[in-house]
Amino acid sequence: MVTPREQAGFRAFFFLAALVWVLIFLTTYAGAQTGKRLILKDGTWQGITEYELRGDRARYFSSQRMEWEEVPVALVNWKATEEWNAGVNEKSPELRQFEADEEAERIADAAKRPTVAPGLKLPRAGGVFILDKFSGRPSLDALTQNGSELSNEAGHNTLHSPLNRKGTIRQQFELKGPNARIQAHVPIPELFVKIHVEQREQQLELTNRFHIVRLEKKTDSRVLMRVKVGLLGQQSLSQQFVSTRGESLGEGWVKVTPLSALDPGEYALVEMLGQNEFNSFVWDFGVDSTAPANPHSWEPVTPANENSHAPE
C-alpha cells in the first residue's frame, strides 16, 4: 500500500520531469523559430546555425539535429533565406558569446586542416580524396573503398601465404566493373589519405604504406594483382605499381603523388600491410580527360560565399 508521503513524492517527481521536458521543448522550439533558417522553394525550412556552398550542394549545420547536412542548391529559396536571416531577433549577450566561442573554435579547427588548393581544405573526419581539375577549376572528390576478390575463390581482407603441397597456384584479385565511379581529368592527380590504422598493423611508415597500382582492364572487371603461391607456400605478387611520393601533411593526413603523368586508364590506391601483404579493399579511380564531371565534387569556397552568401 502506498502511503500519502510516497504519493506526494511521486507527484513531485512527475511534476519535475514534466517541467524539464517543457523547458527542453520550449528552448528547442524557440531556437528553431527565432534562429537562422535555410528556406526551400517548396515553403519548408530547416533551422540552422550556419551554411556554406560546396559546388551544387548547400551544406548546413542543423540546429535541431546538431549535425551537418546537405541539400541541392537548386532547391533553396535564396531570397527568402537571406531576408529571414537578416531579420533574426537580437541575440542575448550569452548567446552572442556562445556563438563567438563556437566560431573561434571552428576557425581554429579549420586552420589545422590541410589546404590542398585555394579555398579547398581536407575534412576533419578523414577519408580518402583525390584532387582533380575539371574545366580549369580544382575539385576534391571522395574515393570509396572497393573490395577486390580472388578470381576463383572468395577473397579476404588481407592476403597471406597458404601452404600448398600440390604445386604452384596462380590466382588474381579483380575489381568488379569496367570503370571506377570517380575519374580524374588531370594526368597527375594528388591523393590524400587519413584512415584509422590498427597499432598491430603498423609495420610500414604511413608515408610508405599507400601506393598506386595500374589496373588491367577486362570486359567486366579490372585485375588488381596476380598471385603465385609455390609448393612450400612461398608467395609472389605481380602488379603494376606506379612510382609515387608519400609525404605527411600533419593531422594524420598523407599525400600520395605520382612522380610522372599517368596514362589514361584505371588505377587503385592500395594499402600495403607488409612486403607481401596488402589490404584487398582498395580505393579505385580512373584517369580520363574526356570523362564528364564527377558527382558531388567539393569545389573551392570563396570569401563571397564562405559567410553564407547566396550564389550569383
Protein backbone atom coordinates (compact mmCIF):
# COMPACT_ATOMS: atom_id res chain seq x y z
CA MET A 1 0.00 0.00 0.00
CA VAL A 2 1.31 3.42 -0.98
CA THR A 3 1.46 5.92 1.85
CA PRO A 4 0.37 9.59 1.43
CA ARG A 5 4.02 10.64 1.76
CA GLU A 6 5.04 8.29 -1.07
CA GLN A 7 2.16 9.57 -3.21
CA ALA A 8 3.34 13.13 -2.67
CA GLY A 9 6.87 12.11 -3.63
CA PHE A 10 5.65 10.51 -6.86
CA ARG A 11 3.64 13.62 -7.76
CA ALA A 12 6.65 15.85 -7.14
CA PHE A 13 8.88 13.61 -9.25
CA PHE A 14 6.49 13.56 -12.22
CA PHE A 15 5.93 17.31 -11.94
CA LEU A 16 9.66 18.00 -12.10
CA ALA A 17 10.11 15.58 -15.02
CA ALA A 18 7.28 17.24 -16.94
CA LEU A 19 8.75 20.68 -16.20
CA VAL A 20 12.14 19.62 -17.57
CA TRP A 21 10.58 18.30 -20.77
CA VAL A 22 8.56 21.52 -21.21
CA LEU A 23 11.70 23.62 -20.79
CA ILE A 24 13.59 21.48 -23.32
CA PHE A 25 10.74 21.74 -25.79
CA LEU A 26 10.36 25.50 -25.38
CA THR A 27 14.10 26.07 -25.71
CA THR A 28 14.34 23.95 -28.86
CA TYR A 29 11.15 25.35 -30.40
CA ALA A 30 12.02 28.95 -29.61
CA GLY A 31 15.51 28.48 -31.01
CA ALA A 32 14.09 27.00 -34.20
CA GLN A 33 11.55 29.78 -34.59
CA THR A 34 13.84 32.74 -33.93
CA GLY A 35 17.16 31.39 -35.25
CA LYS A 36 18.57 31.24 -38.73
CA ARG A 37 16.78 29.28 -41.43
CA LEU A 38 17.52 27.69 -44.78
CA ILE A 39 14.22 28.15 -46.63
CA LEU A 40 13.40 25.81 -49.50
CA LYS A 41 11.37 26.62 -52.61
CA ASP A 42 8.53 24.31 -51.52
CA GLY A 43 7.94 26.51 -48.45
CA THR A 44 9.56 24.23 -45.89
CA TRP A 45 12.64 25.27 -43.96
CA GLN A 46 15.48 23.94 -41.84
CA GLY A 47 16.66 25.57 -38.63
CA ILE A 48 20.40 26.19 -38.98
CA THR A 49 23.33 27.86 -37.27
CA GLU A 50 25.40 28.34 -40.45
CA TYR A 51 25.71 27.18 -44.02
CA GLU A 52 28.21 27.13 -46.87
CA LEU A 53 28.21 26.29 -50.56
CA ARG A 54 30.01 23.24 -51.95
CA GLY A 55 29.57 23.25 -55.71
CA ASP A 56 25.95 22.33 -56.42
CA ARG A 57 25.26 21.48 -52.74
CA ALA A 58 24.27 23.73 -49.84
CA ARG A 59 25.86 22.36 -46.67
CA TYR A 60 24.26 23.47 -43.38
CA PHE A 61 24.51 22.71 -39.66
CA SER A 62 21.07 21.75 -38.35
CA SER A 63 20.09 23.46 -35.09
CA GLN A 64 17.59 20.66 -34.41
CA ARG A 65 19.74 17.59 -35.13
CA MET A 66 23.10 19.22 -34.34
CA GLU A 67 24.89 17.77 -37.37
CA TRP A 68 25.98 18.77 -40.87
CA GLU A 69 23.54 18.01 -43.72
CA GLU A 70 23.26 18.87 -47.43
CA VAL A 71 20.60 19.83 -49.97
CA PRO A 72 20.94 20.69 -53.66
CA VAL A 73 21.49 24.43 -54.22
CA ALA A 74 18.66 24.47 -56.77
CA LEU A 75 16.09 23.61 -54.07
CA VAL A 76 16.89 26.62 -51.85
CA ASN A 77 14.89 29.87 -51.94
CA TRP A 78 17.89 32.15 -51.50
CA LYS A 79 15.96 35.42 -51.45
CA ALA A 80 13.64 34.24 -48.67
CA THR A 81 16.59 32.73 -46.78
CA GLU A 82 18.59 35.97 -46.86
CA GLU A 83 15.58 38.10 -45.90
CA TRP A 84 14.71 35.90 -42.94
CA ASN A 85 18.28 35.68 -41.64
CA ALA A 86 18.71 39.45 -41.99
CA GLY A 87 15.74 39.94 -39.65
CA VAL A 88 16.62 37.36 -36.99
CA ASN A 89 15.80 38.66 -33.49
CA GLU A 90 18.50 40.38 -31.49
CA LYS A 91 20.53 37.78 -29.66
CA SER A 92 21.22 37.80 -25.94
CA PRO A 93 24.78 38.55 -24.75
CA GLU A 94 25.10 34.94 -23.57
CA LEU A 95 24.07 33.60 -26.97
CA ARG A 96 26.39 36.00 -28.77
CA GLN A 97 29.29 34.90 -26.56
CA PHE A 98 28.45 31.23 -27.13
CA GLU A 99 28.34 31.72 -30.90
CA ALA A 100 31.57 33.72 -30.80
CA ASP A 101 33.29 30.89 -28.90
CA GLU A 102 31.96 28.35 -31.39
CA GLU A 103 33.13 30.46 -34.33
CA ALA A 104 36.59 30.85 -32.80
CA GLU A 105 36.78 27.08 -32.31
CA ARG A 106 35.62 26.49 -35.89
CA ILE A 107 38.25 28.90 -37.24
CA ALA A 108 40.98 27.29 -35.14
CA ASP A 109 39.94 23.85 -36.36
CA ALA A 110 39.86 25.00 -40.00
CA ALA A 111 43.35 26.44 -39.63
CA LYS A 112 44.66 23.00 -38.65
CA ARG A 113 43.14 21.21 -41.65
CA PRO A 114 45.47 20.99 -44.66
CA THR A 115 44.67 23.23 -47.64
CA VAL A 116 45.02 21.31 -50.92
CA ALA A 117 44.05 24.15 -53.27
CA PRO A 118 42.92 27.77 -52.77
CA GLY A 119 39.55 27.53 -50.99
CA LEU A 120 39.73 23.73 -50.59
CA LYS A 121 40.50 22.11 -47.23
CA LEU A 122 40.51 18.48 -46.22
CA PRO A 123 37.76 17.48 -43.77
CA ARG A 124 38.40 16.89 -40.09
CA ALA A 125 36.92 13.38 -40.11
CA GLY A 126 39.36 11.97 -42.66
CA GLY A 127 38.82 9.62 -45.59
CA VAL A 128 40.45 9.23 -49.00
CA PHE A 129 40.22 12.06 -51.53
CA ILE A 130 41.58 12.86 -54.98
CA LEU A 131 42.41 16.40 -56.12
CA ASP A 132 41.18 16.89 -59.66
CA LYS A 133 40.60 19.79 -62.03
CA PHE A 134 37.55 20.00 -64.31
CA SER A 135 37.03 22.84 -66.79
CA GLY A 136 40.00 24.64 -65.26
CA ARG A 137 38.54 24.60 -61.75
CA PRO A 138 40.03 22.45 -58.94
CA SER A 139 37.77 19.97 -57.16
CA LEU A 140 38.07 17.41 -54.40
CA ASP A 141 36.39 14.02 -54.81
CA ALA A 142 35.88 11.35 -52.16
CA LEU A 143 37.01 7.84 -53.10
CA THR A 144 35.06 4.92 -51.69
CA GLN A 145 36.65 1.62 -50.76
CA ASN A 146 36.04 -1.20 -53.22
CA GLY A 147 36.62 -4.86 -52.35
CA SER A 148 38.68 -6.95 -54.76
CA GLU A 149 38.06 -10.69 -54.99
CA LEU A 150 40.09 -13.71 -55.96
CA SER A 151 39.08 -14.86 -59.43
CA ASN A 152 38.42 -18.45 -58.34
CA GLU A 153 37.59 -18.29 -54.63
CA ALA A 154 36.30 -15.86 -52.03
CA GLY A 155 38.69 -13.04 -51.20
CA HIS A 156 39.88 -11.87 -47.80
CA ASN A 157 40.72 -8.51 -46.32
CA THR A 158 44.39 -9.37 -46.38
CA LEU A 159 46.34 -11.87 -48.43
CA HIS A 160 48.54 -14.38 -46.63
CA SER A 161 50.67 -17.26 -47.95
CA PRO A 162 48.79 -20.60 -47.60
CA LEU A 163 50.66 -23.90 -47.54
CA ASN A 164 50.13 -25.75 -50.82
CA ARG A 165 51.51 -29.26 -51.37
CA LYS A 166 50.02 -29.88 -54.81
CA GLY A 167 52.07 -27.46 -56.89
CA THR A 168 52.03 -23.82 -57.90
CA ILE A 169 48.73 -21.94 -57.71
CA ARG A 170 48.12 -18.85 -59.82
CA GLN A 171 45.28 -16.53 -58.82
CA GLN A 172 44.35 -12.91 -59.35
CA PHE A 173 42.49 -10.24 -57.45
CA GLU A 174 39.86 -8.42 -59.51
CA LEU A 175 37.56 -5.43 -59.07
CA LYS A 176 34.08 -5.72 -60.49
CA GLY A 177 33.01 -3.39 -63.29
CA PRO A 178 34.97 -1.90 -66.20
CA ASN A 179 35.40 1.60 -64.71
CA ALA A 180 35.69 3.39 -61.38
CA ARG A 181 32.99 5.80 -60.27
CA ILE A 182 35.46 8.70 -59.95
CA GLN A 183 37.52 9.75 -62.98
CA ALA A 184 40.42 12.20 -62.75
CA HIS A 185 40.68 14.71 -65.59
CA VAL A 186 44.35 15.55 -64.98
CA PRO A 187 47.36 13.26 -65.63
CA ILE A 188 48.94 13.80 -62.20
CA PRO A 189 46.15 13.68 -59.61
CA GLU A 190 47.08 14.07 -55.96
CA LEU A 191 45.59 11.67 -53.40
CA PHE A 192 45.05 12.40 -49.70
CA VAL A 193 44.57 9.66 -47.12
CA LYS A 194 43.56 9.71 -43.46
CA ILE A 195 42.29 6.39 -42.16
CA HIS A 196 42.45 4.57 -38.85
CA VAL A 197 45.40 2.19 -38.70
CA GLU A 198 45.48 -0.54 -36.06
CA GLN A 199 48.59 -0.46 -33.88
CA ARG A 200 49.29 -4.12 -34.63
CA GLU A 201 49.27 -3.39 -38.37
CA GLN A 202 51.81 -0.57 -38.28
CA GLN A 203 54.66 -2.49 -39.95
CA LEU A 204 55.21 0.28 -42.50
CA GLU A 205 55.54 4.02 -42.11
CA LEU A 206 52.40 5.86 -43.18
CA THR A 207 54.25 7.70 -45.95
CA ASN A 208 55.32 4.34 -47.43
CA ARG A 209 52.08 2.49 -46.73
CA PHE A 210 49.94 3.64 -49.68
CA HIS A 211 50.77 3.02 -53.34
CA ILE A 212 49.06 3.41 -56.71
CA VAL A 213 48.56 0.34 -58.90
CA ARG A 214 47.66 0.38 -62.59
CA LEU A 215 44.70 -1.97 -63.20
CA GLU A 216 44.43 -4.27 -66.17
CA LYS A 217 41.06 -3.84 -67.85
CA LYS A 218 38.95 -6.84 -68.81
CA THR A 219 35.42 -6.94 -70.21
CA ASP A 220 33.53 -6.65 -66.92
CA SER A 221 36.34 -6.35 -64.36
CA ARG A 222 39.77 -4.95 -63.65
CA VAL A 223 42.75 -7.01 -62.48
CA LEU A 224 44.44 -5.60 -59.38
CA MET A 225 47.16 -8.16 -58.69
CA ARG A 226 48.25 -11.62 -59.79
CA VAL A 227 49.42 -14.04 -57.11
CA LYS A 228 51.63 -17.11 -57.45
CA VAL A 229 51.89 -19.49 -54.50
CA GLY A 230 54.65 -22.10 -54.63
CA LEU A 231 54.90 -25.64 -53.33
CA LEU A 232 56.02 -24.63 -49.83
CA GLY A 233 53.69 -21.69 -49.55
CA GLN A 234 56.13 -19.08 -50.79
CA GLN A 235 54.25 -16.26 -52.46
CA SER A 236 54.98 -13.70 -55.14
CA LEU A 237 52.81 -10.80 -56.24
CA SER A 238 52.66 -9.38 -59.73
CA GLN A 239 51.20 -5.91 -60.15
CA GLN A 240 51.87 -2.64 -61.98
CA PHE A 241 52.98 -0.25 -59.26
CA VAL A 242 53.22 3.44 -60.19
CA SER A 243 56.20 5.40 -58.87
CA THR A 244 54.85 7.75 -56.20
CA ARG A 245 55.98 10.06 -53.43
CA GLY A 246 54.35 9.92 -49.99
CA GLU A 247 54.52 12.81 -47.56
CA SER A 248 52.91 13.62 -44.23
CA LEU A 249 50.72 16.74 -44.07
CA GLY A 250 50.02 16.63 -40.34
CA GLU A 251 46.74 15.93 -38.53
CA GLY A 252 47.06 12.29 -39.68
CA TRP A 253 46.91 13.09 -43.42
CA VAL A 254 49.22 11.52 -46.01
CA LYS A 255 49.62 12.87 -49.54
CA VAL A 256 50.42 10.41 -52.36
CA THR A 257 51.55 11.90 -55.68
CA PRO A 258 52.57 10.10 -58.91
CA LEU A 259 56.11 11.03 -59.96
CA SER A 260 55.09 11.17 -63.62
CA ALA A 261 51.92 11.57 -65.67
CA LEU A 262 49.50 8.65 -65.55
CA ASP A 263 48.35 7.18 -68.84
CA PRO A 264 44.58 7.11 -69.40
CA GLY A 265 43.14 4.03 -67.71
CA GLU A 266 42.07 2.54 -64.40
CA TYR A 267 44.03 2.72 -61.13
CA ALA A 268 43.70 1.95 -57.43
CA LEU A 269 45.23 3.25 -54.23
CA VAL A 270 46.43 0.18 -52.32
CA GLU A 271 47.28 -0.07 -48.63
CA MET A 272 50.33 -2.30 -48.14
CA LEU A 273 50.47 -4.06 -44.78
CA GLY A 274 53.87 -5.68 -45.29
CA GLN A 275 56.27 -6.78 -48.00
CA ASN A 276 53.90 -9.44 -49.39
CA GLU A 277 50.68 -8.48 -47.64
CA PHE A 278 48.08 -5.96 -48.75
CA ASN A 279 44.54 -4.88 -47.98
CA SER A 280 42.33 -6.22 -50.77
CA PHE A 281 39.84 -3.40 -50.15
CA VAL A 282 41.23 -0.56 -52.28
CA TRP A 283 40.21 2.91 -53.45
CA ASP A 284 39.79 2.82 -57.23
CA PHE A 285 39.74 5.72 -59.69
CA GLY A 286 40.33 6.32 -63.37
CA VAL A 287 42.24 8.86 -65.47
CA ASP A 288 40.21 10.17 -68.40
CA SER A 289 40.38 13.81 -69.53
CA THR A 290 37.20 13.34 -71.61
CA ALA A 291 35.04 11.96 -68.77
CA PRO A 292 32.04 14.01 -67.55
CA ALA A 293 32.20 15.89 -64.26
CA ASN A 294 32.26 13.74 -61.14
CA PRO A 295 29.10 13.85 -58.97
CA HIS A 296 29.12 15.81 -55.69
CA SER A 297 32.62 17.24 -56.08
CA TRP A 298 33.83 19.72 -53.47
CA GLU A 299 34.70 23.00 -55.16
CA PRO A 300 36.63 25.95 -53.74
CA VAL A 301 34.86 28.13 -51.19
CA THR A 302 35.45 31.81 -51.90
CA PRO A 303 35.17 34.61 -49.32
CA ALA A 304 31.95 35.73 -51.03
CA ASN A 305 30.05 32.55 -50.21
CA GLU A 306 32.04 31.26 -47.24
CA ASN A 307 30.00 33.52 -44.96
CA SER A 308 26.66 32.15 -46.11
CA HIS A 309 26.03 34.47 -49.05
CA ALA A 310 23.75 33.32 -51.84
CA PRO A 311 25.31 32.40 -55.19
CA GLU A 312 25.33 34.89 -58.00
